[in-house]
Amino acid sequence: MRILVSNDDGVFSPGILALVRLAQEFGEVRAVAPDVEQSAMSHAITVRTPLHYQRTPIDGVEAYRVDGTPADCVALGAHHWEGVDLVLSGINLGLNIGHNIWHSGTVAAAKQADFLGIPAIAFSAPYTDDVPDYGIYERYVRDIIAMFLELPETPLLNVNFPDAPRGLRWTRQSVRHYEGMVVPGEDPMGRKHYWFSEKPRREAEDGTDRWAVERNLVSLTPLRLDLTDDGALARAQAQLDPAT
């Protein structure tokens, strides 16, 4: 089995090293990741400038760094390594739950794989200012990869770890509205600048990714590329054509 590993934190992130080591238990591994951090890049792709693909071995594993986005990395990685069977993205330094899925570079790398017809898993863990200890997640990563390989009808999976996991839980994406705020400030040169901030309007709903992580459960959320609201589509069609 050929396993391509990527991320959005950069090729030198400790999270990708942890994932590369675990992935080696399942097959031949190659890593292709951004040369610098590309967090919150969502599914951006590079179309107006050339990309560079430079060899950068990770712990004895064949690896390459790309001066592009996470989606670029997976696209180039699959191009240079024919027959990739599985893509793993992460382990991200910071959760990708709820609305964060929309702008996550980690999830975008997995989505790009799905676009190419390659099954993929995105892994994320809580942010910490200390050196992260990914050892506490190792058995869960192994179990999730093994389980995922037995689920061919689930080609895209988003996984989020709590600080102290005590089990697995299948979940749906948390969708809740926020009060958006623009916080003005001033830099040392006296120039105006602005921060975006937010606060949720309600608590996380039962059975969602956020709800699970808050209860120290590892959240496993199947995703899909089709964003169509099937219910709204059916209602609109019925309204336009009652015979539908």
Protein backbone atom coordinates (compact mmCIF):
# COMPACT_ATOMS: atom_id res chain seq x y z
CA MET A 1 0.00 0.00 0.00
CA ARG A 2 1.25 3.47 -0.90
CA ILE A 3 0.43 6.12 1.68
CA LEU A 4 0.92 9.83 1.03
CA VAL A 5 1.16 12.04 4.14
CA SER A 6 0.63 15.80 4.09
CA ASN A 7 -0.47 18.65 6.36
CA ASP A 8 -0.85 22.44 6.55
CA ASP A 9 1.59 23.09 9.42
CA GLY A 10 4.65 22.54 7.24
CA VAL A 11 7.05 19.74 6.44
CA PHE A 12 8.98 20.24 9.70
CA SER A 13 5.93 20.01 11.98
CA PRO A 14 6.11 17.38 14.77
CA GLY A 15 2.60 16.29 13.83
CA ILE A 16 3.60 15.09 10.37
CA LEU A 17 6.58 13.23 11.83
CA ALA A 18 4.27 11.38 14.24
CA LEU A 19 1.86 10.50 11.43
CA VAL A 20 4.65 9.36 9.10
CA ARG A 21 5.98 6.98 11.75
CA LEU A 22 2.55 5.45 12.36
CA ALA A 23 1.70 5.24 8.66
CA GLN A 24 4.80 3.07 8.09
CA GLU A 25 3.02 0.27 9.93
CA PHE A 26 0.49 0.09 7.08
CA GLY A 27 2.60 0.44 3.97
CA GLU A 28 5.14 2.40 1.95
CA VAL A 29 5.11 6.07 2.97
CA ARG A 30 5.99 9.33 1.29
CA ALA A 31 5.40 12.81 2.72
CA VAL A 32 4.68 15.93 0.67
CA ALA A 33 3.94 19.07 2.68
CA PRO A 34 4.21 22.87 2.53
CA ASP A 35 7.63 24.44 3.08
CA VAL A 36 6.05 26.88 5.57
CA GLU A 37 2.87 26.91 7.62
CA GLN A 38 -0.27 27.17 5.49
CA SER A 39 -2.97 27.10 8.16
CA ALA A 40 -6.46 28.35 7.25
CA MET A 41 -5.68 28.22 3.53
CA SER A 42 -8.81 26.15 2.92
CA HIS A 43 -8.81 24.58 -0.55
CA ALA A 44 -6.76 27.28 -2.24
CA ILE A 45 -4.70 26.11 -5.20
CA THR A 46 -1.82 27.85 -6.97
CA VAL A 47 -2.68 28.77 -10.57
CA ARG A 48 -0.67 31.87 -11.51
CA THR A 49 2.84 30.98 -10.32
CA PRO A 50 4.97 27.82 -10.71
CA LEU A 51 5.49 25.44 -7.80
CA HIS A 52 8.73 23.86 -6.60
CA TYR A 53 9.04 20.27 -5.38
CA GLN A 54 12.17 19.83 -3.28
CA ARG A 55 13.38 16.66 -1.59
CA THR A 56 13.41 16.92 2.21
CA PRO A 57 13.66 13.47 3.91
CA ILE A 58 11.78 13.08 7.22
CA ASP A 59 13.24 10.56 9.67
CA GLY A 60 14.57 8.44 6.81
CA VAL A 61 11.29 8.59 4.87
CA GLU A 62 11.15 10.01 1.35
CA ALA A 63 9.64 13.49 1.69
CA TYR A 64 9.26 16.68 -0.30
CA ARG A 65 8.45 20.28 0.50
CA VAL A 66 6.32 22.47 -1.76
CA ASP A 67 6.07 26.27 -1.87
CA GLY A 68 2.30 26.03 -2.15
CA THR A 69 -0.90 25.12 -0.37
CA PRO A 70 -1.89 21.80 1.23
CA ALA A 71 -4.09 21.01 -1.78
CA ASP A 72 -1.12 21.73 -4.05
CA CYS A 73 0.98 19.29 -2.04
CA VAL A 74 -1.44 16.40 -2.43
CA ALA A 75 -1.94 17.10 -6.13
CA LEU A 76 1.83 17.16 -6.74
CA GLY A 77 2.46 14.22 -4.46
CA ALA A 78 -0.04 12.06 -6.32
CA HIS A 79 1.40 13.23 -9.65
CA HIS A 80 4.95 12.23 -8.73
CA TRP A 81 4.02 8.96 -7.03
CA GLU A 82 1.69 6.89 -9.17
CA GLY A 83 -0.76 4.56 -7.49
CA VAL A 84 -1.27 6.28 -4.11
CA ASP A 85 -3.79 4.19 -2.14
CA LEU A 86 -4.36 6.41 0.90
CA VAL A 87 -3.73 10.01 1.95
CA LEU A 88 -3.29 11.02 5.59
CA SER A 89 -3.24 14.69 6.60
CA GLY A 90 -1.99 16.04 9.93
CA ILE A 91 -1.62 15.62 12.78
CA ASN A 92 -2.70 19.26 12.85
CA LEU A 93 -1.75 21.53 15.73
CA GLY A 94 -5.25 22.75 16.49
CA LEU A 95 -8.74 21.26 16.17
CA ASN A 96 -10.69 21.31 12.91
CA ILE A 97 -14.27 20.98 14.05
CA GLY A 98 -17.50 22.79 13.21
CA HIS A 99 -17.10 25.78 10.93
CA ASN A 100 -13.30 25.40 11.04
CA ILE A 101 -13.68 22.58 8.53
CA TRP A 102 -14.54 25.19 5.88
CA HIS A 103 -11.19 26.98 6.07
CA SER A 104 -8.93 24.17 7.28
CA GLY A 105 -5.86 23.44 5.18
CA THR A 106 -5.53 20.07 6.90
CA VAL A 107 -8.99 19.01 5.79
CA ALA A 108 -8.40 20.52 2.34
CA ALA A 109 -5.44 18.19 1.79
CA ALA A 110 -7.74 15.24 2.46
CA LYS A 111 -10.46 16.74 0.25
CA GLN A 112 -7.98 17.12 -2.60
CA ALA A 113 -7.23 13.42 -2.32
CA ASP A 114 -10.94 12.64 -2.53
CA PHE A 115 -11.17 14.80 -5.66
CA LEU A 116 -8.47 12.57 -7.14
CA GLY A 117 -10.34 9.41 -6.15
CA ILE A 118 -7.99 8.57 -3.26
CA PRO A 119 -9.44 7.77 0.20
CA ALA A 120 -8.21 10.20 2.86
CA ILE A 121 -8.24 10.96 6.58
CA ALA A 122 -7.53 14.33 8.23
CA PHE A 123 -6.22 14.20 11.82
CA SER A 124 -6.24 17.17 14.21
CA ALA A 125 -5.41 17.65 17.89
CA PRO A 126 -5.77 20.53 20.36
CA TYR A 127 -3.37 23.45 20.12
CA THR A 128 -0.66 23.71 22.77
CA ASP A 129 2.21 26.12 23.37
CA ASP A 130 4.24 23.24 24.78
CA VAL A 131 5.89 20.45 22.79
CA PRO A 132 2.90 18.30 21.78
CA ASP A 133 2.75 14.71 22.99
CA TYR A 134 1.25 12.74 20.13
CA GLY A 135 2.00 9.45 21.86
CA ILE A 136 -1.38 9.55 23.62
CA TYR A 137 -3.09 9.34 20.22
CA GLU A 138 -1.04 6.52 18.68
CA ARG A 139 -3.38 3.62 19.39
CA TYR A 140 -6.35 5.62 18.17
CA VAL A 141 -4.59 6.55 14.92
CA ARG A 142 -3.77 2.89 14.32
CA ASP A 143 -7.33 1.76 15.06
CA ILE A 144 -8.86 4.50 12.91
CA ILE A 145 -6.65 3.77 9.89
CA ALA A 146 -7.37 0.04 10.15
CA MET A 147 -11.12 0.66 10.49
CA PHE A 148 -11.13 3.19 7.64
CA LEU A 149 -9.52 0.71 5.27
CA GLU A 150 -12.53 -1.55 5.86
CA LEU A 151 -15.02 1.21 4.98
CA PRO A 152 -14.77 1.72 1.19
CA GLU A 153 -18.05 3.66 1.16
CA THR A 154 -16.50 6.31 3.45
CA PRO A 155 -13.80 7.94 1.30
CA LEU A 156 -13.25 11.10 3.37
CA LEU A 157 -12.94 11.22 7.16
CA ASN A 158 -12.24 14.09 9.55
CA VAL A 159 -10.79 13.05 12.93
CA ASN A 160 -10.34 15.30 15.98
CA PHE A 161 -8.64 14.31 19.22
CA PRO A 162 -9.46 15.74 22.67
CA ASP A 163 -6.73 16.41 25.23
CA ALA A 164 -7.36 13.13 27.06
CA PRO A 165 -9.21 10.68 24.80
CA ARG A 166 -11.33 7.96 26.37
CA GLY A 167 -12.96 6.45 23.29
CA LEU A 168 -14.21 6.93 19.75
CA ARG A 169 -17.49 8.46 18.58
CA TRP A 170 -18.98 8.79 15.10
CA THR A 171 -20.27 12.35 14.78
CA ARG A 172 -21.70 14.93 12.43
CA GLN A 173 -20.25 18.38 11.84
CA SER A 174 -21.20 21.02 14.38
CA VAL A 175 -22.95 23.94 12.70
CA ARG A 176 -23.80 26.87 14.94
CA HIS A 177 -24.12 30.55 14.29
CA TYR A 178 -21.71 33.10 15.75
CA GLU A 179 -21.75 36.72 16.73
CA GLY A 180 -18.97 38.14 14.55
CA MET A 181 -16.96 41.07 15.87
CA VAL A 182 -14.35 43.38 14.43
CA VAL A 183 -11.92 44.51 17.12
CA PRO A 184 -9.95 47.65 16.15
CA GLY A 185 -6.44 48.30 17.41
CA GLU A 186 -3.27 50.20 16.69
CA ASP A 187 0.23 48.96 15.89
CA PRO A 188 3.44 50.47 17.37
CA MET A 189 3.66 52.84 14.40
CA GLY A 190 0.23 54.26 15.16
CA ARG A 191 -1.42 52.58 12.20
CA LYS A 192 -4.93 51.16 12.54
CA HIS A 193 -5.36 47.42 12.38
CA TYR A 194 -8.23 45.02 12.99
CA TRP A 195 -8.82 41.58 14.50
CA PHE A 196 -11.75 39.32 13.68
CA SER A 197 -13.34 37.65 16.70
CA GLU A 198 -16.50 35.69 17.41
CA LYS A 199 -18.58 34.02 20.07
CA PRO A 200 -21.11 31.22 19.61
CA ARG A 201 -24.82 31.88 20.01
CA ARG A 202 -25.53 28.45 21.52
CA GLU A 203 -23.87 25.35 22.92
CA ALA A 204 -22.74 22.46 20.74
CA GLU A 205 -25.52 20.07 19.73
CA ASP A 206 -25.50 16.46 20.90
CA GLY A 207 -23.75 14.06 18.56
CA THR A 208 -21.56 16.68 16.87
CA ASP A 209 -17.79 16.81 16.57
CA ARG A 210 -17.55 19.67 19.04
CA TRP A 211 -19.84 17.90 21.51
CA ALA A 212 -17.69 14.75 21.36
CA VAL A 213 -14.35 16.51 21.86
CA GLU A 214 -15.78 18.42 24.83
CA ARG A 215 -16.49 15.00 26.39
CA ASN A 216 -13.00 13.64 25.70
CA LEU A 217 -14.17 11.45 22.83
CA VAL A 218 -12.28 11.18 19.56
CA SER A 219 -14.59 12.59 16.91
CA LEU A 220 -14.88 10.76 13.58
CA THR A 221 -16.89 12.73 11.02
CA PRO A 222 -17.50 11.37 7.50
CA LEU A 223 -17.41 14.23 4.98
CA ARG A 224 -18.46 14.55 1.36
CA LEU A 225 -17.51 16.79 -1.52
CA ASP A 226 -21.11 17.33 -2.63
CA LEU A 227 -22.39 20.41 -0.75
CA THR A 228 -25.88 20.20 -2.22
CA ASP A 229 -28.68 20.71 0.31
CA ASP A 230 -30.85 17.81 -0.84
CA GLY A 231 -33.83 18.88 1.28
CA ALA A 232 -33.81 22.44 -0.05
CA LEU A 233 -33.38 21.16 -3.60
CA ALA A 234 -36.38 18.83 -3.29
CA ARG A 235 -38.55 21.59 -1.84
CA ALA A 236 -37.56 24.02 -4.59
CA GLN A 237 -38.24 21.47 -7.32
CA ALA A 238 -41.64 20.66 -5.83
CA GLN A 239 -42.54 24.34 -5.66
CA LEU A 240 -41.61 24.92 -9.31
CA ASP A 241 -43.17 21.71 -10.54
CA PRO A 242 -45.83 20.16 -8.24
CA ALA A 243 -45.71 17.02 -10.31
CA THR A 244 -42.08 16.39 -9.37
